[in-house]
Amino acid sequence: MATYIILLIIILYAIFCIKKYFKTVNQGCCGGGESVIREIPEIDPSLYPIKETYKVIGMHCENCAAKIERKINQSHIYQGIIDLKNNTLTIYSKEPIIFDDIDQQVKDMGYSLSH
């Protein structure tokens, strides 16, 4: 009897995992559903003279990229543009870039940066 209960639990767990996998495939890794249209800002080099590029770890789709860009671009000091093909975040700044600030913002969203 206990064997049947354990087998039933395993089967239910497998069904749950398969459903979650197909939901992720159909809706994107963030579960965002529809594709996000990202507006890439035009960066004026005279306003944002400092530029650095970082590798983003854990970013998989347009939804992830849009989420990171929105967060970074809330600042009046920084402007960020994601290159999804290369998984990079390019930061344009009016002031010297403080990596720890950018890194913490990205970590708070569930991703990480590397130089």
PDB file of N, CA and C in Angstrom:
ATOM      1  N   MET A   1       0.815  -1.192   0.000  1.00  0.00           N
ATOM      2  CA  MET A   1       0.000   0.000   0.000  1.00  0.00           C
ATOM      3  C   MET A   1       0.864   1.263   0.000  1.00  0.00           C
ATOM      4  N   ALA A   2       1.889   1.280   0.846  1.00  0.00           N
ATOM      5  CA  ALA A   2       2.780   2.440   0.925  1.00  0.00           C
ATOM      6  C   ALA A   2       3.501   2.657  -0.405  1.00  0.00           C
ATOM      7  N   THR A   3       3.809   1.571  -1.096  1.00  0.00           N
ATOM      8  CA  THR A   3       4.480   1.664  -2.390  1.00  0.00           C
ATOM      9  C   THR A   3       3.595   2.392  -3.399  1.00  0.00           C
ATOM     10  N   TYR A   4       2.291   2.103  -3.367  1.00  0.00           N
ATOM     11  CA  TYR A   4       1.364   2.758  -4.295  1.00  0.00           C
ATOM     12  C   TYR A   4       1.242   4.254  -4.005  1.00  0.00           C
ATOM     13  N   ILE A   5       1.251   4.608  -2.743  1.00  0.00           N
ATOM     14  CA  ILE A   5       1.167   6.023  -2.365  1.00  0.00           C
ATOM     15  C   ILE A   5       2.413   6.774  -2.840  1.00  0.00           C
ATOM     16  N   ILE A   6       3.565   6.177  -2.621  1.00  0.00           N
ATOM     17  CA  ILE A   6       4.816   6.802  -3.067  1.00  0.00           C
ATOM     18  C   ILE A   6       4.836   6.924  -4.587  1.00  0.00           C
ATOM     19  N   LEU A   7       4.412   5.892  -5.278  1.00  0.00           N
ATOM     20  CA  LEU A   7       4.346   5.915  -6.738  1.00  0.00           C
ATOM     21  C   LEU A   7       3.386   7.002  -7.225  1.00  0.00           C
ATOM     22  N   LEU A   8       2.250   7.142  -6.575  1.00  0.00           N
ATOM     23  CA  LEU A   8       1.281   8.174  -6.930  1.00  0.00           C
ATOM     24  C   LEU A   8       1.868   9.571  -6.730  1.00  0.00           C
ATOM     25  N   ILE A   9       2.563   9.777  -5.644  1.00  0.00           N
ATOM     26  CA  ILE A   9       3.207  11.075  -5.379  1.00  0.00           C
ATOM     27  C   ILE A   9       4.242  11.381  -6.451  1.00  0.00           C
ATOM     28  N   ILE A  10       5.031  10.407  -6.825  1.00  0.00           N
ATOM     29  CA  ILE A  10       6.044  10.601  -7.870  1.00  0.00           C
ATOM     30  C   ILE A  10       5.388  10.946  -9.201  1.00  0.00           C
ATOM     31  N   ILE A  11       4.319  10.266  -9.542  1.00  0.00           N
ATOM     32  CA  ILE A  11       3.610  10.531 -10.808  1.00  0.00           C
ATOM     33  C   ILE A  11       3.020  11.942 -10.796  1.00  0.00           C
ATOM     34  N   LEU A  12       2.390  12.331  -9.697  1.00  0.00           N
ATOM     35  CA  LEU A  12       1.814  13.674  -9.602  1.00  0.00           C
ATOM     36  C   LEU A  12       2.900  14.752  -9.700  1.00  0.00           C
ATOM     37  N   TYR A  13       4.015  14.516  -9.065  1.00  0.00           N
ATOM     38  CA  TYR A  13       5.132  15.460  -9.134  1.00  0.00           C
ATOM     39  C   TYR A  13       5.655  15.565 -10.564  1.00  0.00           C
ATOM     40  N   ALA A  14       5.773  14.444 -11.246  1.00  0.00           N
ATOM     41  CA  ALA A  14       6.238  14.452 -12.639  1.00  0.00           C
ATOM     42  C   ALA A  14       5.272  15.226 -13.528  1.00  0.00           C
ATOM     43  N   ILE A  15       3.982  15.044 -13.336  1.00  0.00           N
ATOM     44  CA  ILE A  15       2.982  15.779 -14.120  1.00  0.00           C
ATOM     45  C   ILE A  15       3.107  17.274 -13.850  1.00  0.00           C
ATOM     46  N   PHE A  16       3.260  17.643 -12.590  1.00  0.00           N
ATOM     47  CA  PHE A  16       3.438  19.044 -12.227  1.00  0.00           C
ATOM     48  C   PHE A  16       4.667  19.637 -12.915  1.00  0.00           C
ATOM     49  N   CYS A  17       5.780  18.930 -12.901  1.00  0.00           N
ATOM     50  CA  CYS A  17       7.014  19.415 -13.524  1.00  0.00           C
ATOM     51  C   CYS A  17       6.859  19.569 -15.040  1.00  0.00           C
ATOM     52  N   ILE A  18       6.215  18.628 -15.666  1.00  0.00           N
ATOM     53  CA  ILE A  18       6.007  18.689 -17.112  1.00  0.00           C
ATOM     54  C   ILE A  18       5.114  19.870 -17.474  1.00  0.00           C
ATOM     55  N   LYS A  19       4.036  20.090 -16.713  1.00  0.00           N
ATOM     56  CA  LYS A  19       3.152  21.226 -16.976  1.00  0.00           C
ATOM     57  C   LYS A  19       3.903  22.543 -16.810  1.00  0.00           C
ATOM     58  N   LYS A  20       4.713  22.639 -15.774  1.00  0.00           N
ATOM     59  CA  LYS A  20       5.492  23.857 -15.534  1.00  0.00           C
ATOM     60  C   LYS A  20       6.484  24.086 -16.667  1.00  0.00           C
ATOM     61  N   TYR A  21       7.108  23.033 -17.146  1.00  0.00           N
ATOM     62  CA  TYR A  21       8.056  23.155 -18.256  1.00  0.00           C
ATOM     63  C   TYR A  21       7.358  23.703 -19.501  1.00  0.00           C
ATOM     64  N   PHE A  22       6.209  23.146 -19.859  1.00  0.00           N
ATOM     65  CA  PHE A  22       5.512  23.609 -21.053  1.00  0.00           C
ATOM     66  C   PHE A  22       4.984  25.029 -20.879  1.00  0.00           C
ATOM     67  N   LYS A  23       4.596  25.396 -19.685  1.00  0.00           N
ATOM     68  CA  LYS A  23       4.164  26.772 -19.429  1.00  0.00           C
ATOM     69  C   LYS A  23       5.344  27.719 -19.640  1.00  0.00           C
ATOM     70  N   THR A  24       6.505  27.350 -19.154  1.00  0.00           N
ATOM     71  CA  THR A  24       7.699  28.174 -19.321  1.00  0.00           C
ATOM     72  C   THR A  24       8.071  28.297 -20.790  1.00  0.00           C
ATOM     73  N   VAL A  25       8.015  27.221 -21.528  1.00  0.00           N
ATOM     74  CA  VAL A  25       8.345  27.247 -22.953  1.00  0.00           C
ATOM     75  C   VAL A  25       7.371  28.139 -23.714  1.00  0.00           C
ATOM     76  N   ASN A  26       6.104  28.058 -23.385  1.00  0.00           N
ATOM     77  CA  ASN A  26       5.093  28.833 -24.094  1.00  0.00           C
ATOM     78  C   ASN A  26       5.055  30.298 -23.694  1.00  0.00           C
ATOM     79  N   GLN A  27       5.430  30.621 -22.457  1.00  0.00           N
ATOM     80  CA  GLN A  27       5.283  31.984 -21.974  1.00  0.00           C
ATOM     81  C   GLN A  27       6.603  32.704 -21.771  1.00  0.00           C
ATOM     82  N   GLY A  28       7.718  32.096 -22.018  1.00  0.00           N
ATOM     83  CA  GLY A  28       8.991  32.748 -21.757  1.00  0.00           C
ATOM     84  C   GLY A  28       9.446  32.407 -20.348  1.00  0.00           C
ATOM     85  N   CYS A  29      10.694  32.616 -20.077  1.00  0.00           N
ATOM     86  CA  CYS A  29      11.253  32.188 -18.798  1.00  0.00           C
ATOM     87  C   CYS A  29      10.683  32.965 -17.622  1.00  0.00           C
ATOM     88  N   CYS A  30      10.167  34.142 -17.862  1.00  0.00           N
ATOM     89  CA  CYS A  30       9.616  34.944 -16.768  1.00  0.00           C
ATOM     90  C   CYS A  30       8.123  34.755 -16.636  1.00  0.00           C
ATOM     91  N   GLY A  31       7.548  33.955 -17.504  1.00  0.00           N
ATOM     92  CA  GLY A  31       6.115  33.779 -17.460  1.00  0.00           C
ATOM     93  C   GLY A  31       5.372  35.018 -17.910  1.00  0.00           C
ATOM     94  N   GLY A  32       6.017  35.834 -18.725  1.00  0.00           N
ATOM     95  CA  GLY A  32       5.435  37.094 -19.138  1.00  0.00           C
ATOM     96  C   GLY A  32       4.345  36.968 -20.171  1.00  0.00           C
ATOM     97  N   GLY A  33       4.192  35.818 -20.771  1.00  0.00           N
ATOM     98  CA  GLY A  33       3.143  35.635 -21.765  1.00  0.00           C
ATOM     99  C   GLY A  33       3.544  36.204 -23.104  1.00  0.00           C
ATOM    100  N   GLU A  34       2.996  37.356 -23.457  1.00  0.00           N
ATOM    101  CA  GLU A  34       3.270  37.967 -24.750  1.00  0.00           C
ATOM    102  C   GLU A  34       4.711  38.473 -24.818  1.00  0.00           C
ATOM    103  N   SER A  35       5.185  38.641 -26.037  1.00  0.00           N
ATOM    104  CA  SER A  35       6.508  39.221 -26.219  1.00  0.00           C
ATOM    105  C   SER A  35       6.482  40.683 -25.794  1.00  0.00           C
ATOM    106  N   VAL A  36       7.544  41.104 -25.187  1.00  0.00           N
ATOM    107  CA  VAL A  36       7.675  42.479 -24.745  1.00  0.00           C
ATOM    108  C   VAL A  36       8.335  43.281 -25.851  1.00  0.00           C
ATOM    109  N   ILE A  37       7.813  44.453 -26.103  1.00  0.00           N
ATOM    110  CA  ILE A  37       8.450  45.347 -27.064  1.00  0.00           C
ATOM    111  C   ILE A  37       9.324  46.300 -26.265  1.00  0.00           C
ATOM    112  N   ARG A  38      10.618  46.174 -26.453  1.00  0.00           N
ATOM    113  CA  ARG A  38      11.564  47.024 -25.738  1.00  0.00           C
ATOM    114  C   ARG A  38      11.901  48.225 -26.598  1.00  0.00           C
ATOM    115  N   GLU A  39      11.838  49.394 -26.001  1.00  0.00           N
ATOM    116  CA  GLU A  39      12.254  50.606 -26.693  1.00  0.00           C
ATOM    117  C   GLU A  39      13.690  50.894 -26.285  1.00  0.00           C
ATOM    118  N   ILE A  40      14.584  50.799 -27.239  1.00  0.00           N
ATOM    119  CA  ILE A  40      15.995  51.052 -26.969  1.00  0.00           C
ATOM    120  C   ILE A  40      16.222  52.568 -27.034  1.00  0.00           C
ATOM    121  N   PRO A  41      16.642  53.162 -25.919  1.00  0.00           N
ATOM    122  CA  PRO A  41      16.829  54.612 -25.928  1.00  0.00           C
ATOM    123  C   PRO A  41      18.047  55.023 -26.751  1.00  0.00           C
ATOM    124  N   GLU A  42      17.949  56.190 -27.352  1.00  0.00           N
ATOM    125  CA  GLU A  42      19.106  56.780 -28.026  1.00  0.00           C
ATOM    126  C   GLU A  42      19.952  57.434 -26.940  1.00  0.00           C
ATOM    127  N   ILE A  43      21.210  57.064 -26.872  1.00  0.00           N
ATOM    128  CA  ILE A  43      22.096  57.597 -25.848  1.00  0.00           C
ATOM    129  C   ILE A  43      22.939  58.710 -26.447  1.00  0.00           C
ATOM    130  N   ASP A  44      22.850  59.881 -25.851  1.00  0.00           N
ATOM    131  CA  ASP A  44      23.650  61.025 -26.286  1.00  0.00           C
ATOM    132  C   ASP A  44      24.991  60.964 -25.548  1.00  0.00           C
ATOM    133  N   PRO A  45      26.094  60.704 -26.266  1.00  0.00           N
ATOM    134  CA  PRO A  45      27.404  60.578 -25.609  1.00  0.00           C
ATOM    135  C   PRO A  45      27.829  61.840 -24.855  1.00  0.00           C
ATOM    136  N   SER A  46      27.288  62.987 -25.225  1.00  0.00           N
ATOM    137  CA  SER A  46      27.664  64.208 -24.488  1.00  0.00           C
ATOM    138  C   SER A  46      26.971  64.245 -23.119  1.00  0.00           C
ATOM    139  N   LEU A  47      25.822  63.587 -22.983  1.00  0.00           N
ATOM    140  CA  LEU A  47      25.126  63.531 -21.693  1.00  0.00           C
ATOM    141  C   LEU A  47      25.585  62.352 -20.843  1.00  0.00           C
ATOM    142  N   TYR A  48      25.950  61.256 -21.499  1.00  0.00           N
ATOM    143  CA  TYR A  48      26.375  60.035 -20.812  1.00  0.00           C
ATOM    144  C   TYR A  48      27.749  59.625 -21.353  1.00  0.00           C
ATOM    145  N   PRO A  49      28.805  60.323 -20.939  1.00  0.00           N
ATOM    146  CA  PRO A  49      30.128  60.073 -21.534  1.00  0.00           C
ATOM    147  C   PRO A  49      30.825  58.787 -21.082  1.00  0.00           C
ATOM    148  N   ILE A  50      30.382  58.222 -19.971  1.00  0.00           N
ATOM    149  CA  ILE A  50      31.039  57.031 -19.436  1.00  0.00           C
ATOM    150  C   ILE A  50      30.250  55.796 -19.868  1.00  0.00           C
ATOM    151  N   LYS A  51      30.984  54.770 -20.308  1.00  0.00           N
ATOM    152  CA  LYS A  51      30.340  53.558 -20.821  1.00  0.00           C
ATOM    153  C   LYS A  51      31.094  52.326 -20.317  1.00  0.00           C
ATOM    154  N   GLU A  52      30.347  51.372 -19.770  1.00  0.00           N
ATOM    155  CA  GLU A  52      30.926  50.090 -19.356  1.00  0.00           C
ATOM    156  C   GLU A  52      29.946  48.977 -19.711  1.00  0.00           C
ATOM    157  N   THR A  53      30.492  47.812 -20.029  1.00  0.00           N
ATOM    158  CA  THR A  53      29.660  46.663 -20.398  1.00  0.00           C
ATOM    159  C   THR A  53      29.934  45.510 -19.445  1.00  0.00           C
ATOM    160  N   TYR A  54      28.854  44.859 -19.016  1.00  0.00           N
ATOM    161  CA  TYR A  54      28.931  43.744 -18.082  1.00  0.00           C
ATOM    162  C   TYR A  54      28.176  42.547 -18.646  1.00  0.00           C
ATOM    163  N   LYS A  55      28.600  41.379 -18.280  1.00  0.00           N
ATOM    164  CA  LYS A  55      27.916  40.131 -18.634  1.00  0.00           C
ATOM    165  C   LYS A  55      26.784  39.916 -17.630  1.00  0.00           C
ATOM    166  N   VAL A  56      25.583  39.610 -18.137  1.00  0.00           N
ATOM    167  CA  VAL A  56      24.437  39.337 -17.270  1.00  0.00           C
ATOM    168  C   VAL A  56      24.233  37.829 -17.207  1.00  0.00           C
ATOM    169  N   ILE A  57      24.149  37.307 -16.003  1.00  0.00           N
ATOM    170  CA  ILE A  57      23.976  35.875 -15.795  1.00  0.00           C
ATOM    171  C   ILE A  57      22.546  35.632 -15.312  1.00  0.00           C
ATOM    172  N   GLY A  58      21.842  34.717 -15.977  1.00  0.00           N
ATOM    173  CA  GLY A  58      20.499  34.356 -15.583  1.00  0.00           C
ATOM    174  C   GLY A  58      19.418  35.004 -16.426  1.00  0.00           C
ATOM    175  N   MET A  59      19.802  35.788 -17.409  1.00  0.00           N
ATOM    176  CA  MET A  59      18.848  36.454 -18.293  1.00  0.00           C
ATOM    177  C   MET A  59      18.632  35.574 -19.507  1.00  0.00           C
ATOM    178  N   HIS A  60      17.335  35.337 -19.870  1.00  0.00           N
ATOM    179  CA  HIS A  60      17.054  34.390 -20.932  1.00  0.00           C
ATOM    180  C   HIS A  60      16.170  34.912 -22.056  1.00  0.00           C
ATOM    181  N   CYS A  61      15.430  35.987 -21.810  1.00  0.00           N
ATOM    182  CA  CYS A  61      14.436  36.378 -22.804  1.00  0.00           C
ATOM    183  C   CYS A  61      14.221  37.883 -22.815  1.00  0.00           C
ATOM    184  N   GLU A  62      13.357  38.323 -23.714  1.00  0.00           N
ATOM    185  CA  GLU A  62      13.015  39.743 -23.827  1.00  0.00           C
ATOM    186  C   GLU A  62      12.398  40.267 -22.534  1.00  0.00           C
ATOM    187  N   ASN A  63      11.624  39.436 -21.849  1.00  0.00           N
ATOM    188  CA  ASN A  63      11.020  39.863 -20.588  1.00  0.00           C
ATOM    189  C   ASN A  63      12.095  40.161 -19.545  1.00  0.00           C
ATOM    190  N   CYS A  64      13.095  39.303 -19.463  1.00  0.00           N
ATOM    191  CA  CYS A  64      14.201  39.527 -18.525  1.00  0.00           C
ATOM    192  C   CYS A  64      14.930  40.828 -18.879  1.00  0.00           C
ATOM    193  N   ALA A  65      15.231  40.997 -20.155  1.00  0.00           N
ATOM    194  CA  ALA A  65      15.965  42.178 -20.619  1.00  0.00           C
ATOM    195  C   ALA A  65      15.184  43.452 -20.314  1.00  0.00           C
ATOM    196  N   ALA A  66      13.896  43.456 -20.596  1.00  0.00           N
ATOM    197  CA  ALA A  66      13.066  44.641 -20.352  1.00  0.00           C
ATOM    198  C   ALA A  66      13.010  44.970 -18.864  1.00  0.00           C
ATOM    199  N   LYS A  67      12.929  43.942 -18.047  1.00  0.00           N
ATOM    200  CA  LYS A  67      12.870  44.132 -16.596  1.00  0.00           C
ATOM    201  C   LYS A  67      14.144  44.823 -16.094  1.00  0.00           C
ATOM    202  N   ILE A  68      15.290  44.353 -16.557  1.00  0.00           N
ATOM    203  CA  ILE A  68      16.566  44.941 -16.133  1.00  0.00           C
ATOM    204  C   ILE A  68      16.688  46.375 -16.648  1.00  0.00           C
ATOM    205  N   GLU A  69      16.370  46.593 -17.915  1.00  0.00           N
ATOM    206  CA  GLU A  69      16.468  47.945 -18.483  1.00  0.00           C
ATOM    207  C   GLU A  69      15.579  48.930 -17.734  1.00  0.00           C
ATOM    208  N   ARG A  70      14.346  48.525 -17.444  1.00  0.00           N
ATOM    209  CA  ARG A  70      13.432  49.431 -16.724  1.00  0.00           C
ATOM    210  C   ARG A  70      14.013  49.834 -15.376  1.00  0.00           C
ATOM    211  N   LYS A  71      14.575  48.869 -14.668  1.00  0.00           N
ATOM    212  CA  LYS A  71      15.139  49.149 -13.344  1.00  0.00           C
ATOM    213  C   LYS A  71      16.320  50.105 -13.436  1.00  0.00           C
ATOM    214  N   ILE A  72      17.254  49.827 -14.330  1.00  0.00           N
ATOM    215  CA  ILE A  72      18.452  50.661 -14.459  1.00  0.00           C
ATOM    216  C   ILE A  72      18.081  52.059 -14.950  1.00  0.00           C
ATOM    217  N   ASN A  73      17.142  52.138 -15.885  1.00  0.00           N
ATOM    218  CA  ASN A  73      16.808  53.422 -16.508  1.00  0.00           C
ATOM    219  C   ASN A  73      15.931  54.310 -15.637  1.00  0.00           C
ATOM    220  N   GLN A  74      15.542  53.855 -14.460  1.00  0.00           N
ATOM    221  CA  GLN A  74      14.818  54.703 -13.514  1.00  0.00           C
ATOM    222  C   GLN A  74      15.727  55.792 -12.948  1.00  0.00           C
ATOM    223  N   SER A  75      17.018  55.534 -12.970  1.00  0.00           N
ATOM    224  CA  SER A  75      17.991  56.482 -12.441  1.00  0.00           C
ATOM    225  C   SER A  75      18.197  57.632 -13.417  1.00  0.00           C
ATOM    226  N   HIS A  76      18.456  58.811 -12.895  1.00  0.00           N
ATOM    227  CA  HIS A  76      18.789  59.945 -13.762  1.00  0.00           C
ATOM    228  C   HIS A  76      20.282  59.974 -14.097  1.00  0.00           C
ATOM    229  N   ILE A  77      21.046  59.098 -13.473  1.00  0.00           N
ATOM    230  CA  ILE A  77      22.497  59.042 -13.700  1.00  0.00           C
ATOM    231  C   ILE A  77      22.852  58.007 -14.750  1.00  0.00           C
ATOM    232  N   TYR A  78      22.178  56.863 -14.729  1.00  0.00           N
ATOM    233  CA  TYR A  78      22.515  55.745 -15.603  1.00  0.00           C
ATOM    234  C   TYR A  78      21.464  55.518 -16.676  1.00  0.00           C
ATOM    235  N   GLN A  79      21.902  54.995 -17.797  1.00  0.00           N
ATOM    236  CA  GLN A  79      21.029  54.446 -18.831  1.00  0.00           C
ATOM    237  C   GLN A  79      21.620  53.091 -19.193  1.00  0.00           C
ATOM    238  N   GLY A  80      20.774  52.077 -19.260  1.00  0.00           N
ATOM    239  CA  GLY A  80      21.251  50.740 -19.568  1.00  0.00           C
ATOM    240  C   GLY A  80      20.582  50.185 -20.808  1.00  0.00           C
ATOM    241  N   ILE A  81      21.363  49.478 -21.587  1.00  0.00           N
ATOM    242  CA  ILE A  81      20.843  48.801 -22.774  1.00  0.00           C
ATOM    243  C   ILE A  81      21.323  47.363 -22.740  1.00  0.00           C
ATOM    244  N   ILE A  82      20.384  46.448 -22.888  1.00  0.00           N
ATOM    245  CA  ILE A  82      20.682  45.014 -22.898  1.00  0.00           C
ATOM    246  C   ILE A  82      20.920  44.554 -24.334  1.00  0.00           C
ATOM    247  N   ASP A  83      21.954  43.761 -24.522  1.00  0.00           N
ATOM    248  CA  ASP A  83      22.174  43.046 -25.781  1.00  0.00           C
ATOM    249  C   ASP A  83      21.869  41.585 -25.465  1.00  0.00           C
ATOM    250  N   LEU A  84      20.657  41.185 -25.806  1.00  0.00           N
ATOM    251  CA  LEU A  84      20.196  39.840 -25.446  1.00  0.00           C
ATOM    252  C   LEU A  84      21.004  38.755 -26.144  1.00  0.00           C
ATOM    253  N   LYS A  85      21.444  39.031 -27.361  1.00  0.00           N
ATOM    254  CA  LYS A  85      22.223  38.036 -28.110  1.00  0.00           C
ATOM    255  C   LYS A  85      23.521  37.680 -27.384  1.00  0.00           C
ATOM    256  N   ASN A  86      24.158  38.688 -26.796  1.00  0.00           N
ATOM    257  CA  ASN A  86      25.426  38.467 -26.095  1.00  0.00           C
ATOM    258  C   ASN A  86      25.280  38.426 -24.578  1.00  0.00           C
ATOM    259  N   ASN A  87      24.040  38.548 -24.083  1.00  0.00           N
ATOM    260  CA  ASN A  87      23.777  38.589 -22.639  1.00  0.00           C
ATOM    261  C   ASN A  87      24.623  39.631 -21.928  1.00  0.00           C
ATOM    262  N   THR A  88      24.618  40.844 -22.473  1.00  0.00           N
ATOM    263  CA  THR A  88      25.391  41.920 -21.858  1.00  0.00           C
ATOM    264  C   THR A  88      24.499  43.107 -21.531  1.00  0.00           C
ATOM    265  N   LEU A  89      24.923  43.853 -20.535  1.00  0.00           N
ATOM    266  CA  LEU A  89      24.297  45.102 -20.143  1.00  0.00           C
ATOM    267  C   LEU A  89      25.339  46.188 -20.318  1.00  0.00           C
ATOM    268  N   THR A  90      25.041  47.159 -21.167  1.00  0.00           N
ATOM    269  CA  THR A  90      25.933  48.299 -21.342  1.00  0.00           C
ATOM    270  C   THR A  90      25.337  49.460 -20.566  1.00  0.00           C
ATOM    271  N   ILE A  91      26.131  50.003 -19.660  1.00  0.00           N
ATOM    272  CA  ILE A  91      25.716  51.128 -18.830  1.00  0.00           C
ATOM    273  C   ILE A  91      26.374  52.386 -19.367  1.00  0.00           C
ATOM    274  N   TYR A  92      25.561  53.392 -19.583  1.00  0.00           N
ATOM    275  CA  TYR A  92      26.028  54.724 -19.954  1.00  0.00           C
ATOM    276  C   TYR A  92      25.754  55.600 -18.739  1.00  0.00           C
ATOM    277  N   SER A  93      26.727  56.434 -18.391  1.00  0.00           N
ATOM    278  CA  SER A  93      26.589  57.176 -17.139  1.00  0.00           C
ATOM    279  C   SER A  93      27.072  58.612 -17.264  1.00  0.00           C
ATOM    280  N   LYS A  94      26.454  59.467 -16.447  1.00  0.00           N
ATOM    281  CA  LYS A  94      26.866  60.866 -16.341  1.00  0.00           C
ATOM    282  C   LYS A  94      28.023  61.005 -15.369  1.00  0.00           C
ATOM    283  N   GLU A  95      28.140  60.065 -14.451  1.00  0.00           N
ATOM    284  CA  GLU A  95      29.153  60.083 -13.395  1.00  0.00           C
ATOM    285  C   GLU A  95      29.897  58.753 -13.405  1.00  0.00           C
ATOM    286  N   PRO A  96      31.023  58.671 -12.698  1.00  0.00           N
ATOM    287  CA  PRO A  96      31.709  57.375 -12.626  1.00  0.00           C
ATOM    288  C   PRO A  96      30.749  56.277 -12.170  1.00  0.00           C
ATOM    289  N   ILE A  97      30.825  55.137 -12.830  1.00  0.00           N
ATOM    290  CA  ILE A  97      29.922  54.024 -12.548  1.00  0.00           C
ATOM    291  C   ILE A  97      30.379  53.301 -11.288  1.00  0.00           C
ATOM    292  N   ILE A  98      29.433  53.105 -10.379  1.00  0.00           N
ATOM    293  CA  ILE A  98      29.705  52.353  -9.156  1.00  0.00           C
ATOM    294  C   ILE A  98      29.146  50.952  -9.390  1.00  0.00           C
ATOM    295  N   PHE A  99      30.046  50.016  -9.681  1.00  0.00           N
ATOM    296  CA  PHE A  99      29.639  48.655 -10.033  1.00  0.00           C
ATOM    297  C   PHE A  99      28.743  48.040  -8.972  1.00  0.00           C
ATOM    298  N   ASP A 100      29.084  48.241  -7.702  1.00  0.00           N
ATOM    299  CA  ASP A 100      28.313  47.617  -6.628  1.00  0.00           C
ATOM    300  C   ASP A 100      26.850  48.066  -6.643  1.00  0.00           C
ATOM    301  N   ASP A 101      26.584  49.324  -6.994  1.00  0.00           N
ATOM    302  CA  ASP A 101      25.203  49.816  -7.074  1.00  0.00           C
ATOM    303  C   ASP A 101      24.437  49.105  -8.180  1.00  0.00           C
ATOM    304  N   ILE A 102      25.047  49.043  -9.360  1.00  0.00           N
ATOM    305  CA  ILE A 102      24.403  48.377 -10.499  1.00  0.00           C
ATOM    306  C   ILE A 102      24.228  46.891 -10.194  1.00  0.00           C
ATOM    307  N   ASP A 103      25.265  46.283  -9.656  1.00  0.00           N
ATOM    308  CA  ASP A 103      25.230  44.857  -9.340  1.00  0.00           C
ATOM    309  C   ASP A 103      24.111  44.541  -8.348  1.00  0.00           C
ATOM    310  N   GLN A 104      23.935  45.379  -7.334  1.00  0.00           N
ATOM    311  CA  GLN A 104      22.894  45.140  -6.334  1.00  0.00           C
ATOM    312  C   GLN A 104      21.502  45.272  -6.950  1.00  0.00           C
ATOM    313  N   GLN A 105      21.298  46.257  -7.822  1.00  0.00           N
ATOM    314  CA  GLN A 105      20.005  46.410  -8.491  1.00  0.00           C
ATOM    315  C   GLN A 105      19.668  45.165  -9.312  1.00  0.00           C
ATOM    316  N   VAL A 106      20.667  44.656 -10.018  1.00  0.00           N
ATOM    317  CA  VAL A 106      20.459  43.477 -10.855  1.00  0.00           C
ATOM    318  C   VAL A 106      20.238  42.237  -9.977  1.00  0.00           C
ATOM    319  N   LYS A 107      20.981  42.112  -8.893  1.00  0.00           N
ATOM    320  CA  LYS A 107      20.804  40.972  -7.975  1.00  0.00           C
ATOM    321  C   LYS A 107      19.423  40.978  -7.342  1.00  0.00           C
ATOM    322  N   ASP A 108      18.906  42.171  -7.033  1.00  0.00           N
ATOM    323  CA  ASP A 108      17.570  42.270  -6.436  1.00  0.00           C
ATOM    324  C   ASP A 108      16.494  41.729  -7.376  1.00  0.00           C
ATOM    325  N   MET A 109      16.792  41.683  -8.667  1.00  0.00           N
ATOM    326  CA  MET A 109      15.832  41.161  -9.651  1.00  0.00           C
ATOM    327  C   MET A 109      16.063  39.678  -9.945  1.00  0.00           C
ATOM    328  N   GLY A 110      17.089  39.079  -9.341  1.00  0.00           N
ATOM    329  CA  GLY A 110      17.323  37.645  -9.519  1.00  0.00           C
ATOM    330  C   GLY A 110      18.365  37.300 -10.549  1.00  0.00           C
ATOM    331  N   TYR A 111      19.154  38.272 -10.995  1.00  0.00           N
ATOM    332  CA  TYR A 111      20.210  38.039 -11.971  1.00  0.00           C
ATOM    333  C   TYR A 111      21.535  38.429 -11.334  1.00  0.00           C
ATOM    334  N   SER A 112      22.630  38.244 -12.037  1.00  0.00           N
ATOM    335  CA  SER A 112      23.923  38.697 -11.519  1.00  0.00           C
ATOM    336  C   SER A 112      24.771  39.228 -12.667  1.00  0.00           C
ATOM    337  N   LEU A 113      25.751  40.020 -12.300  1.00  0.00           N
ATOM    338  CA  LEU A 113      26.666  40.632 -13.270  1.00  0.00           C
ATOM    339  C   LEU A 113      28.081  40.149 -13.055  1.00  0.00           C
ATOM    340  N   SER A 114      28.842  40.169 -14.117  1.00  0.00           N
ATOM    341  CA  SER A 114      30.283  39.935 -14.018  1.00  0.00           C
ATOM    342  C   SER A 114      30.969  40.904 -14.958  1.00  0.00           C
ATOM    343  N   HIS A 115      32.219  41.235 -14.630  1.00  0.00           N
ATOM    344  CA  HIS A 115      32.987  42.182 -15.450  1.00  0.00           C
ATOM    345  C   HIS A 115      33.408  41.539 -16.741  1.00  0.00           C
TER     346      HIS A 115
END
